[in-house]
PDB file of N, CA and C in Angstrom:
ATOM      1  N   MET A   1     -52.420 -58.040 -21.295  1.00  0.00           N
ATOM      2  CA  MET A   1     -53.798 -57.047 -21.837  1.00  0.00           C
ATOM      3  C   MET A   1     -54.660 -58.521 -20.818  1.00  0.00           C
ATOM      4  N   PRO A   2     -55.386 -57.225 -20.081  1.00  0.00           N
ATOM      5  CA  PRO A   2     -56.784 -58.008 -19.404  1.00  0.00           C
ATOM      6  C   PRO A   2     -57.381 -58.132 -20.170  1.00  0.00           C
ATOM      7  N   VAL A   3     -58.318 -59.301 -19.686  1.00  0.00           N
ATOM      8  CA  VAL A   3     -59.649 -59.647 -20.498  1.00  0.00           C
ATOM      9  C   VAL A   3     -60.807 -59.316 -19.752  1.00  0.00           C
ATOM     10  N   HIS A   4     -61.591 -58.444 -20.845  1.00  0.00           N
ATOM     11  CA  HIS A   4     -63.015 -57.810 -20.036  1.00  0.00           C
ATOM     12  C   HIS A   4     -63.991 -58.480 -20.793  1.00  0.00           C
ATOM     13  N   ARG A   5     -65.050 -59.131 -19.945  1.00  0.00           N
ATOM     14  CA  ARG A   5     -66.135 -59.945 -19.893  1.00  0.00           C
ATOM     15  C   ARG A   5     -67.284 -58.916 -20.220  1.00  0.00           C
ATOM     16  N   ASN A   6     -67.566 -58.483 -21.263  1.00  0.00           N
ATOM     17  CA  ASN A   6     -68.770 -57.936 -21.468  1.00  0.00           C
ATOM     18  C   ASN A   6     -69.963 -58.412 -21.984  1.00  0.00           C
ATOM     19  N   GLY A   7     -70.186 -59.712 -22.324  1.00  0.00           N
ATOM     20  CA  GLY A   7     -71.436 -59.996 -22.882  1.00  0.00           C
ATOM     21  C   GLY A   7     -71.599 -59.743 -24.309  1.00  0.00           C
ATOM     22  N   GLY A   8     -70.627 -59.540 -25.071  1.00  0.00           N
ATOM     23  CA  GLY A   8     -71.031 -58.966 -26.366  1.00  0.00           C
ATOM     24  C   GLY A   8     -71.144 -57.879 -26.575  1.00  0.00           C
ATOM     25  N   LEU A   9     -71.284 -56.784 -25.607  1.00  0.00           N
ATOM     26  CA  LEU A   9     -71.548 -55.419 -25.743  1.00  0.00           C
ATOM     27  C   LEU A   9     -70.453 -54.553 -25.578  1.00  0.00           C
ATOM     28  N   ARG A  10     -70.302 -53.640 -26.636  1.00  0.00           N
ATOM     29  CA  ARG A  10     -69.125 -52.636 -26.885  1.00  0.00           C
ATOM     30  C   ARG A  10     -69.549 -51.717 -27.344  1.00  0.00           C
ATOM     31  N   LYS A  11     -68.639 -50.289 -27.389  1.00  0.00           N
ATOM     32  CA  LYS A  11     -69.019 -49.151 -28.025  1.00  0.00           C
ATOM     33  C   LYS A  11     -67.536 -48.828 -28.990  1.00  0.00           C
ATOM     34  N   ILE A  12     -67.846 -48.299 -30.128  1.00  0.00           N
ATOM     35  CA  ILE A  12     -66.808 -48.127 -30.991  1.00  0.00           C
ATOM     36  C   ILE A  12     -66.625 -46.756 -30.980  1.00  0.00           C
ATOM     37  N   CYS A  13     -66.048 -46.123 -30.464  1.00  0.00           N
ATOM     38  CA  CYS A  13     -65.798 -44.688 -30.275  1.00  0.00           C
ATOM     39  C   CYS A  13     -64.415 -44.741 -29.655  1.00  0.00           C
ATOM     40  N   GLY A  14     -64.025 -43.492 -29.881  1.00  0.00           N
ATOM     41  CA  GLY A  14     -62.426 -43.306 -29.232  1.00  0.00           C
ATOM     42  C   GLY A  14     -62.431 -42.752 -27.578  1.00  0.00           C
ATOM     43  N   CYS A  15     -63.608 -42.967 -26.697  1.00  0.00           N
ATOM     44  CA  CYS A  15     -63.592 -42.848 -25.280  1.00  0.00           C
ATOM     45  C   CYS A  15     -63.033 -43.890 -24.749  1.00  0.00           C
ATOM     46  N   PRO A  16     -62.155 -44.168 -23.706  1.00  0.00           N
ATOM     47  CA  PRO A  16     -61.612 -44.815 -22.791  1.00  0.00           C
ATOM     48  C   PRO A  16     -62.626 -45.827 -22.527  1.00  0.00           C
ATOM     49  N   ARG A  17     -62.403 -47.073 -22.220  1.00  0.00           N
ATOM     50  CA  ARG A  17     -63.227 -47.820 -21.618  1.00  0.00           C
ATOM     51  C   ARG A  17     -63.676 -47.403 -20.147  1.00  0.00           C
ATOM     52  N   ARG A  18     -62.994 -47.043 -19.682  1.00  0.00           N
ATOM     53  CA  ARG A  18     -63.268 -46.558 -18.210  1.00  0.00           C
ATOM     54  C   ARG A  18     -64.533 -45.467 -18.151  1.00  0.00           C
ATOM     55  N   LEU A  19     -64.637 -45.128 -19.418  1.00  0.00           N
ATOM     56  CA  LEU A  19     -65.676 -43.804 -18.996  1.00  0.00           C
ATOM     57  C   LEU A  19     -67.020 -44.160 -20.631  1.00  0.00           C
ATOM     58  N   TRP A  20     -66.807 -45.407 -20.588  1.00  0.00           N
ATOM     59  CA  TRP A  20     -68.057 -45.807 -21.239  1.00  0.00           C
ATOM     60  C   TRP A  20     -69.446 -45.605 -20.656  1.00  0.00           C
ATOM     61  N   ALA A  21     -69.654 -45.424 -19.179  1.00  0.00           N
ATOM     62  CA  ALA A  21     -71.003 -45.399 -18.470  1.00  0.00           C
ATOM     63  C   ALA A  21     -71.290 -43.915 -18.747  1.00  0.00           C
ATOM     64  N   LYS A  22     -70.436 -43.139 -18.871  1.00  0.00           N
ATOM     65  CA  LYS A  22     -70.718 -41.695 -19.147  1.00  0.00           C
ATOM     66  C   LYS A  22     -70.866 -41.122 -20.603  1.00  0.00           C
ATOM     67  N   CYS A  23     -69.989 -41.911 -21.511  1.00  0.00           N
ATOM     68  CA  CYS A  23     -69.676 -41.803 -23.197  1.00  0.00           C
ATOM     69  C   CYS A  23     -71.248 -41.601 -23.562  1.00  0.00           C
ATOM     70  N   PRO A  24     -71.307 -40.726 -24.485  1.00  0.00           N
ATOM     71  CA  PRO A  24     -72.318 -40.105 -25.291  1.00  0.00           C
ATOM     72  C   PRO A  24     -72.859 -41.259 -26.354  1.00  0.00           C
ATOM     73  N   HIS A  25     -71.696 -41.602 -26.790  1.00  0.00           N
ATOM     74  CA  HIS A  25     -71.841 -42.972 -27.942  1.00  0.00           C
ATOM     75  C   HIS A  25     -72.873 -43.846 -27.694  1.00  0.00           C
ATOM     76  N   GLY A  26     -73.273 -44.621 -28.887  1.00  0.00           N
ATOM     77  CA  GLY A  26     -74.124 -45.971 -28.878  1.00  0.00           C
ATOM     78  C   GLY A  26     -73.469 -47.150 -28.458  1.00  0.00           C
ATOM     79  N   TRP A  27     -74.067 -47.931 -28.068  1.00  0.00           N
ATOM     80  CA  TRP A  27     -73.609 -49.245 -27.787  1.00  0.00           C
ATOM     81  C   TRP A  27     -73.967 -50.349 -28.944  1.00  0.00           C
ATOM     82  N   HIS A  28     -73.096 -51.569 -29.100  1.00  0.00           N
ATOM     83  CA  HIS A  28     -73.195 -52.266 -30.146  1.00  0.00           C
ATOM     84  C   HIS A  28     -72.943 -53.708 -29.907  1.00  0.00           C
ATOM     85  N   LEU A  29     -73.467 -54.735 -30.551  1.00  0.00           N
ATOM     86  CA  LEU A  29     -73.773 -56.165 -30.329  1.00  0.00           C
ATOM     87  C   LEU A  29     -72.641 -56.933 -31.015  1.00  0.00           C
ATOM     88  N   ASN A  30     -72.101 -57.811 -30.258  1.00  0.00           N
ATOM     89  CA  ASN A  30     -71.437 -59.097 -30.673  1.00  0.00           C
ATOM     90  C   ASN A  30     -71.981 -60.295 -30.321  1.00  0.00           C
ATOM     91  N   PHE A  31     -72.725 -60.767 -31.362  1.00  0.00           N
ATOM     92  CA  PHE A  31     -73.068 -62.180 -30.901  1.00  0.00           C
ATOM     93  C   PHE A  31     -72.854 -63.239 -32.034  1.00  0.00           C
ATOM     94  N   GLN A  32     -72.409 -64.519 -31.556  1.00  0.00           N
ATOM     95  CA  GLN A  32     -72.195 -65.698 -32.522  1.00  0.00           C
ATOM     96  C   GLN A  32     -73.463 -66.776 -32.110  1.00  0.00           C
ATOM     97  N   HIS A  33     -74.248 -67.142 -32.780  1.00  0.00           N
ATOM     98  CA  HIS A  33     -74.998 -68.469 -32.712  1.00  0.00           C
ATOM     99  C   HIS A  33     -74.894 -68.987 -34.187  1.00  0.00           C
ATOM    100  N   GLY A  34     -75.162 -70.372 -33.743  1.00  0.00           N
ATOM    101  CA  GLY A  34     -74.993 -71.098 -34.935  1.00  0.00           C
ATOM    102  C   GLY A  34     -73.952 -71.050 -35.995  1.00  0.00           C
ATOM    103  N   GLY A  35     -72.750 -70.532 -35.316  1.00  0.00           N
ATOM    104  CA  GLY A  35     -71.789 -70.347 -36.752  1.00  0.00           C
ATOM    105  C   GLY A  35     -71.726 -69.115 -37.346  1.00  0.00           C
ATOM    106  N   ARG A  36     -72.965 -68.606 -37.132  1.00  0.00           N
ATOM    107  CA  ARG A  36     -73.013 -67.111 -37.891  1.00  0.00           C
ATOM    108  C   ARG A  36     -72.510 -65.942 -36.589  1.00  0.00           C
ATOM    109  N   LEU A  37     -71.843 -65.014 -37.285  1.00  0.00           N
ATOM    110  CA  LEU A  37     -71.796 -63.857 -36.430  1.00  0.00           C
ATOM    111  C   LEU A  37     -72.667 -62.510 -36.585  1.00  0.00           C
ATOM    112  N   TYR A  38     -73.316 -62.188 -35.467  1.00  0.00           N
ATOM    113  CA  TYR A  38     -74.066 -60.713 -35.580  1.00  0.00           C
ATOM    114  C   TYR A  38     -73.393 -59.917 -34.839  1.00  0.00           C
ATOM    115  N   ARG A  39     -73.035 -58.615 -35.703  1.00  0.00           N
ATOM    116  CA  ARG A  39     -72.619 -57.485 -35.144  1.00  0.00           C
ATOM    117  C   ARG A  39     -73.260 -56.396 -35.875  1.00  0.00           C
ATOM    118  N   PHE A  40     -73.607 -55.419 -34.810  1.00  0.00           N
ATOM    119  CA  PHE A  40     -74.132 -54.108 -35.543  1.00  0.00           C
ATOM    120  C   PHE A  40     -74.625 -53.428 -34.412  1.00  0.00           C
ATOM    121  N   GLY A  41     -74.854 -51.840 -34.465  1.00  0.00           N
ATOM    122  CA  GLY A  41     -75.297 -51.036 -33.526  1.00  0.00           C
ATOM    123  C   GLY A  41     -76.723 -51.349 -33.032  1.00  0.00           C
ATOM    124  N   LEU A  42     -76.829 -51.290 -31.512  1.00  0.00           N
ATOM    125  CA  LEU A  42     -78.179 -51.629 -30.661  1.00  0.00           C
ATOM    126  C   LEU A  42     -79.083 -50.196 -31.474  1.00  0.00           C
ATOM    127  N   GLY A  43     -78.520 -49.354 -31.599  1.00  0.00           N
ATOM    128  CA  GLY A  43     -79.292 -47.998 -32.153  1.00  0.00           C
ATOM    129  C   GLY A  43     -80.210 -47.896 -33.726  1.00  0.00           C
ATOM    130  N   LYS A  44     -79.370 -48.774 -34.375  1.00  0.00           N
ATOM    131  CA  LYS A  44     -79.881 -48.775 -35.555  1.00  0.00           C
ATOM    132  C   LYS A  44     -81.137 -49.984 -35.736  1.00  0.00           C
ATOM    133  N   TYR A  45     -80.820 -50.850 -34.712  1.00  0.00           N
ATOM    134  CA  TYR A  45     -81.801 -51.951 -34.491  1.00  0.00           C
ATOM    135  C   TYR A  45     -83.102 -51.509 -34.007  1.00  0.00           C
ATOM    136  N   VAL A  46     -83.297 -50.512 -32.832  1.00  0.00           N
ATOM    137  CA  VAL A  46     -84.421 -50.197 -32.025  1.00  0.00           C
ATOM    138  C   VAL A  46     -84.904 -49.080 -32.824  1.00  0.00           C
ATOM    139  N   GLY A  47     -84.126 -48.227 -33.592  1.00  0.00           N
ATOM    140  CA  GLY A  47     -84.544 -47.260 -34.324  1.00  0.00           C
ATOM    141  C   GLY A  47     -84.160 -46.037 -32.984  1.00  0.00           C
ATOM    142  N   HIS A  48     -83.613 -45.871 -32.056  1.00  0.00           N
ATOM    143  CA  HIS A  48     -83.276 -44.887 -31.392  1.00  0.00           C
ATOM    144  C   HIS A  48     -81.913 -45.127 -30.532  1.00  0.00           C
ATOM    145  N   PRO A  49     -81.193 -44.086 -30.311  1.00  0.00           N
ATOM    146  CA  PRO A  49     -79.559 -44.060 -29.703  1.00  0.00           C
ATOM    147  C   PRO A  49     -80.022 -45.132 -28.461  1.00  0.00           C
ATOM    148  N   VAL A  50     -79.131 -46.145 -28.265  1.00  0.00           N
ATOM    149  CA  VAL A  50     -79.414 -46.648 -26.804  1.00  0.00           C
ATOM    150  C   VAL A  50     -78.137 -46.275 -26.306  1.00  0.00           C
ATOM    151  N   ILE A  51     -78.049 -45.471 -25.087  1.00  0.00           N
ATOM    152  CA  ILE A  51     -76.932 -44.826 -24.489  1.00  0.00           C
ATOM    153  C   ILE A  51     -76.614 -45.516 -23.257  1.00  0.00           C
ATOM    154  N   THR A  52     -77.859 -46.193 -22.327  1.00  0.00           N
ATOM    155  CA  THR A  52     -77.232 -46.550 -21.244  1.00  0.00           C
ATOM    156  C   THR A  52     -76.900 -48.109 -21.338  1.00  0.00           C
ATOM    157  N   LYS A  53     -76.204 -48.288 -20.336  1.00  0.00           N
ATOM    158  CA  LYS A  53     -75.735 -49.857 -20.501  1.00  0.00           C
ATOM    159  C   LYS A  53     -76.880 -51.093 -20.225  1.00  0.00           C
ATOM    160  N   THR A  54     -77.467 -50.417 -18.837  1.00  0.00           N
ATOM    161  CA  THR A  54     -78.821 -50.957 -18.594  1.00  0.00           C
ATOM    162  C   THR A  54     -79.955 -51.235 -20.038  1.00  0.00           C
ATOM    163  N   ASP A  55     -79.937 -50.119 -20.338  1.00  0.00           N
ATOM    164  CA  ASP A  55     -80.953 -50.208 -21.617  1.00  0.00           C
ATOM    165  C   ASP A  55     -80.364 -51.291 -22.827  1.00  0.00           C
ATOM    166  N   ALA A  56     -78.881 -51.301 -23.190  1.00  0.00           N
ATOM    167  CA  ALA A  56     -78.379 -51.976 -24.003  1.00  0.00           C
ATOM    168  C   ALA A  56     -78.373 -53.118 -23.626  1.00  0.00           C
ATOM    169  N   GLU A  57     -78.131 -53.941 -22.024  1.00  0.00           N
ATOM    170  CA  GLU A  57     -78.516 -54.939 -22.035  1.00  0.00           C
ATOM    171  C   GLU A  57     -79.622 -55.510 -22.155  1.00  0.00           C
ATOM    172  N   ALA A  58     -80.549 -54.951 -21.914  1.00  0.00           N
ATOM    173  CA  ALA A  58     -81.894 -55.381 -22.131  1.00  0.00           C
ATOM    174  C   ALA A  58     -82.281 -55.665 -23.422  1.00  0.00           C
ATOM    175  N   VAL A  59     -81.905 -54.798 -24.297  1.00  0.00           N
ATOM    176  CA  VAL A  59     -82.166 -54.693 -25.682  1.00  0.00           C
ATOM    177  C   VAL A  59     -81.028 -56.184 -26.365  1.00  0.00           C
ATOM    178  N   ALA A  60     -80.023 -56.072 -25.993  1.00  0.00           N
ATOM    179  CA  ALA A  60     -79.400 -57.387 -26.302  1.00  0.00           C
ATOM    180  C   ALA A  60     -79.936 -58.547 -26.066  1.00  0.00           C
ATOM    181  N   ASP A  61     -80.430 -58.592 -24.769  1.00  0.00           N
ATOM    182  CA  ASP A  61     -81.085 -59.982 -24.379  1.00  0.00           C
ATOM    183  C   ASP A  61     -82.171 -60.142 -25.098  1.00  0.00           C
ATOM    184  N   ARG A  62     -83.001 -59.268 -25.557  1.00  0.00           N
ATOM    185  CA  ARG A  62     -83.842 -59.617 -26.477  1.00  0.00           C
ATOM    186  C   ARG A  62     -83.594 -59.864 -27.649  1.00  0.00           C
ATOM    187  N   ILE A  63     -82.863 -59.393 -28.433  1.00  0.00           N
ATOM    188  CA  ILE A  63     -82.068 -59.657 -29.458  1.00  0.00           C
ATOM    189  C   ILE A  63     -81.450 -61.224 -29.645  1.00  0.00           C
ATOM    190  N   ARG A  64     -80.766 -61.550 -28.552  1.00  0.00           N
ATOM    191  CA  ARG A  64     -80.245 -62.880 -28.452  1.00  0.00           C
ATOM    192  C   ARG A  64     -81.343 -63.821 -28.377  1.00  0.00           C
ATOM    193  N   THR A  65     -82.316 -63.604 -27.561  1.00  0.00           N
ATOM    194  CA  THR A  65     -83.473 -64.728 -27.979  1.00  0.00           C
ATOM    195  C   THR A  65     -84.021 -64.798 -28.875  1.00  0.00           C
ATOM    196  N   GLN A  66     -84.365 -63.758 -29.744  1.00  0.00           N
ATOM    197  CA  GLN A  66     -84.905 -63.669 -31.247  1.00  0.00           C
ATOM    198  C   GLN A  66     -84.030 -64.547 -31.976  1.00  0.00           C
ATOM    199  N   ILE A  67     -82.786 -64.447 -32.126  1.00  0.00           N
ATOM    200  CA  ILE A  67     -81.965 -64.869 -32.593  1.00  0.00           C
ATOM    201  C   ILE A  67     -82.003 -66.524 -32.383  1.00  0.00           C
ATOM    202  N   ARG A  68     -81.902 -67.028 -31.164  1.00  0.00           N
ATOM    203  CA  ARG A  68     -82.154 -68.545 -30.752  1.00  0.00           C
ATOM    204  C   ARG A  68     -83.120 -68.925 -31.284  1.00  0.00           C
ATOM    205  N   GLU A  69     -84.241 -68.165 -31.287  1.00  0.00           N
ATOM    206  CA  GLU A  69     -85.664 -68.921 -31.531  1.00  0.00           C
ATOM    207  C   GLU A  69     -85.626 -68.663 -33.353  1.00  0.00           C
ATOM    208  N   GLY A  70     -84.893 -67.989 -33.896  1.00  0.00           N
ATOM    209  CA  GLY A  70     -85.012 -68.170 -35.136  1.00  0.00           C
ATOM    210  C   GLY A  70     -86.046 -66.896 -35.716  1.00  0.00           C
ATOM    211  N   LEU A  71     -86.268 -65.968 -35.016  1.00  0.00           N
ATOM    212  CA  LEU A  71     -87.364 -64.879 -35.296  1.00  0.00           C
ATOM    213  C   LEU A  71     -86.902 -63.666 -35.379  1.00  0.00           C
ATOM    214  N   PHE A  72     -85.278 -63.457 -35.728  1.00  0.00           N
ATOM    215  CA  PHE A  72     -84.657 -62.436 -35.951  1.00  0.00           C
ATOM    216  C   PHE A  72     -84.761 -61.823 -37.089  1.00  0.00           C
ATOM    217  N   LYS A  73     -85.021 -60.409 -37.497  1.00  0.00           N
ATOM    218  CA  LYS A  73     -85.021 -59.946 -38.785  1.00  0.00           C
ATOM    219  C   LYS A  73     -84.214 -58.935 -38.998  1.00  0.00           C
ATOM    220  N   GLU A  74     -83.030 -59.477 -39.822  1.00  0.00           N
ATOM    221  CA  GLU A  74     -81.983 -58.430 -40.030  1.00  0.00           C
ATOM    222  C   GLU A  74     -82.307 -57.333 -40.320  1.00  0.00           C
ATOM    223  N   LEU A  75     -81.591 -56.333 -40.410  1.00  0.00           N
ATOM    224  CA  LEU A  75     -82.094 -54.865 -41.162  1.00  0.00           C
ATOM    225  C   LEU A  75     -81.043 -54.897 -42.395  1.00  0.00           C
ATOM    226  N   SER A  76     -81.796 -54.526 -43.372  1.00  0.00           N
ATOM    227  CA  SER A  76     -80.700 -54.064 -44.780  1.00  0.00           C
ATOM    228  C   SER A  76     -80.407 -53.305 -44.776  1.00  0.00           C
ATOM    229  N   THR A  77     -78.806 -53.698 -45.240  1.00  0.00           N
ATOM    230  CA  THR A  77     -77.693 -52.527 -44.771  1.00  0.00           C
ATOM    231  C   THR A  77     -77.628 -52.212 -46.329  1.00  0.00           C
ATOM    232  N   VAL A  78     -78.148 -52.542 -47.508  1.00  0.00           N
ATOM    233  CA  VAL A  78     -78.091 -52.520 -48.930  1.00  0.00           C
ATOM    234  C   VAL A  78     -79.058 -51.553 -49.255  1.00  0.00           C
ATOM    235  N   ALA A  79     -78.273 -49.953 -49.825  1.00  0.00           N
ATOM    236  CA  ALA A  79     -79.590 -48.968 -50.014  1.00  0.00           C
ATOM    237  C   ALA A  79     -79.841 -49.613 -51.612  1.00  0.00           C
ATOM    238  N   THR A  80     -81.231 -49.282 -51.669  1.00  0.00           N
ATOM    239  CA  THR A  80     -81.638 -49.522 -52.868  1.00  0.00           C
ATOM    240  C   THR A  80     -81.115 -48.640 -54.255  1.00  0.00           C
ATOM    241  N   GLU A  81     -80.741 -49.283 -55.237  1.00  0.00           N
ATOM    242  CA  GLU A  81     -80.074 -48.499 -56.288  1.00  0.00           C
ATOM    243  C   GLU A  81     -80.952 -47.700 -57.398  1.00  0.00           C
ATOM    244  N   VAL A  82     -80.378 -46.465 -57.352  1.00  0.00           N
ATOM    245  CA  VAL A  82     -81.030 -45.816 -58.331  1.00  0.00           C
ATOM    246  C   VAL A  82     -80.778 -45.995 -59.940  1.00  0.00           C
ATOM    247  N   PRO A  83     -81.683 -46.354 -60.809  1.00  0.00           N
ATOM    248  CA  PRO A  83     -81.705 -46.501 -61.985  1.00  0.00           C
ATOM    249  C   PRO A  83     -81.342 -45.511 -62.656  1.00  0.00           C
ATOM    250  N   VAL A  84     -80.209 -45.815 -63.639  1.00  0.00           N
ATOM    251  CA  VAL A  84     -79.546 -44.574 -64.040  1.00  0.00           C
ATOM    252  C   VAL A  84     -79.024 -44.970 -65.634  1.00  0.00           C
ATOM    253  N   VAL A  85     -79.872 -44.213 -66.559  1.00  0.00           N
ATOM    254  CA  VAL A  85     -79.606 -44.287 -68.034  1.00  0.00           C
ATOM    255  C   VAL A  85     -78.356 -43.692 -68.270  1.00  0.00           C
ATOM    256  N   LEU A  86     -77.545 -44.897 -68.944  1.00  0.00           N
ATOM    257  CA  LEU A  86     -76.532 -44.236 -69.449  1.00  0.00           C
ATOM    258  C   LEU A  86     -76.546 -43.721 -70.882  1.00  0.00           C
ATOM    259  N   PRO A  87     -75.829 -42.592 -70.794  1.00  0.00           N
ATOM    260  CA  PRO A  87     -75.582 -42.126 -72.374  1.00  0.00           C
ATOM    261  C   PRO A  87     -74.746 -42.723 -73.449  1.00  0.00           C
ATOM    262  N   ALA A  88     -74.876 -42.624 -74.513  1.00  0.00           N
ATOM    263  CA  ALA A  88     -74.283 -43.188 -75.533  1.00  0.00           C
ATOM    264  C   ALA A  88     -72.941 -42.643 -75.523  1.00  0.00           C
ATOM    265  N   ALA A  89     -72.304 -41.656 -75.214  1.00  0.00           N
ATOM    266  CA  ALA A  89     -71.100 -41.422 -75.200  1.00  0.00           C
ATOM    267  C   ALA A  89     -70.754 -40.568 -73.668  1.00  0.00           C
ATOM    268  N   LEU A  90     -70.278 -41.431 -72.747  1.00  0.00           N
ATOM    269  CA  LEU A  90     -69.922 -40.898 -71.735  1.00  0.00           C
ATOM    270  C   LEU A  90     -69.090 -39.866 -71.017  1.00  0.00           C
ATOM    271  N   THR A  91     -69.135 -38.947 -70.700  1.00  0.00           N
ATOM    272  CA  THR A  91     -68.436 -37.699 -70.321  1.00  0.00           C
ATOM    273  C   THR A  91     -67.995 -37.802 -69.181  1.00  0.00           C
ATOM    274  N   PHE A  92     -66.935 -36.973 -68.787  1.00  0.00           N
ATOM    275  CA  PHE A  92     -66.636 -36.954 -67.461  1.00  0.00           C
ATOM    276  C   PHE A  92     -67.757 -36.372 -66.570  1.00  0.00           C
ATOM    277  N   GLY A  93     -68.636 -35.230 -66.798  1.00  0.00           N
ATOM    278  CA  GLY A  93     -69.491 -34.729 -66.264  1.00  0.00           C
ATOM    279  C   GLY A  93     -70.744 -35.514 -66.224  1.00  0.00           C
ATOM    280  N   GLY A  94     -70.911 -36.465 -67.178  1.00  0.00           N
ATOM    281  CA  GLY A  94     -71.927 -37.644 -67.033  1.00  0.00           C
ATOM    282  C   GLY A  94     -71.400 -38.406 -65.949  1.00  0.00           C
ATOM    283  N   LEU A  95     -70.331 -38.858 -66.075  1.00  0.00           N
ATOM    284  CA  LEU A  95     -69.899 -39.936 -64.992  1.00  0.00           C
ATOM    285  C   LEU A  95     -70.123 -39.538 -63.865  1.00  0.00           C
ATOM    286  N   ALA A  96     -69.822 -38.212 -63.172  1.00  0.00           N
ATOM    287  CA  ALA A  96     -69.799 -37.568 -62.032  1.00  0.00           C
ATOM    288  C   ALA A  96     -71.083 -37.471 -61.687  1.00  0.00           C
ATOM    289  N   ASP A  97     -72.142 -37.096 -62.484  1.00  0.00           N
ATOM    290  CA  ASP A  97     -73.763 -37.194 -62.136  1.00  0.00           C
ATOM    291  C   ASP A  97     -74.000 -38.811 -61.599  1.00  0.00           C
ATOM    292  N   ILE A  98     -73.662 -39.874 -62.630  1.00  0.00           N
ATOM    293  CA  ILE A  98     -74.077 -41.005 -62.216  1.00  0.00           C
ATOM    294  C   ILE A  98     -73.530 -41.136 -60.761  1.00  0.00           C
ATOM    295  N   TRP A  99     -72.471 -40.970 -60.309  1.00  0.00           N
ATOM    296  CA  TRP A  99     -71.649 -41.225 -59.106  1.00  0.00           C
ATOM    297  C   TRP A  99     -72.453 -40.571 -58.446  1.00  0.00           C
ATOM    298  N   SER A 100     -72.667 -39.061 -57.944  1.00  0.00           N
ATOM    299  CA  SER A 100     -73.557 -38.307 -57.409  1.00  0.00           C
ATOM    300  C   SER A 100     -75.089 -39.473 -56.793  1.00  0.00           C
ATOM    301  N   ALA A 101     -75.324 -39.599 -58.196  1.00  0.00           N
ATOM    302  CA  ALA A 101     -76.683 -40.511 -57.662  1.00  0.00           C
ATOM    303  C   ALA A 101     -76.742 -41.682 -57.058  1.00  0.00           C
ATOM    304  N   ARG A 102     -76.041 -42.490 -57.371  1.00  0.00           N
ATOM    305  CA  ARG A 102     -75.364 -43.678 -56.491  1.00  0.00           C
ATOM    306  C   ARG A 102     -75.142 -43.229 -55.432  1.00  0.00           C
ATOM    307  N   ARG A 103     -74.541 -42.427 -54.999  1.00  0.00           N
ATOM    308  CA  ARG A 103     -73.984 -41.717 -53.640  1.00  0.00           C
ATOM    309  C   ARG A 103     -75.042 -41.437 -52.700  1.00  0.00           C
ATOM    310  N   GLU A 104     -76.125 -40.565 -52.981  1.00  0.00           N
ATOM    311  CA  GLU A 104     -77.254 -40.223 -52.614  1.00  0.00           C
ATOM    312  C   GLU A 104     -78.207 -41.365 -51.529  1.00  0.00           C
TER     313      GLU A 104
END
């Protein structure tokens, strides 16, 4: 299997690697610094889809610099939890309501 040098940039989609330049899916970054692995989609970090490789390389360079300088602010992937009051007798319908509230 050939080794690909991509600078930590990749796509997570079903498109073949040879078509990534024309693929409509966004780019992702893999970067390790100080024993810590950073892996995320660039579009989530900048707030809009990063489609071209040139844009992805520019954004990735900015992020790598911020990580090395200790200025990188990680996005929180943990959703805020909705407080749920549990009824005295929990029914299946009540459990379904709790599940749907937490899922939103």
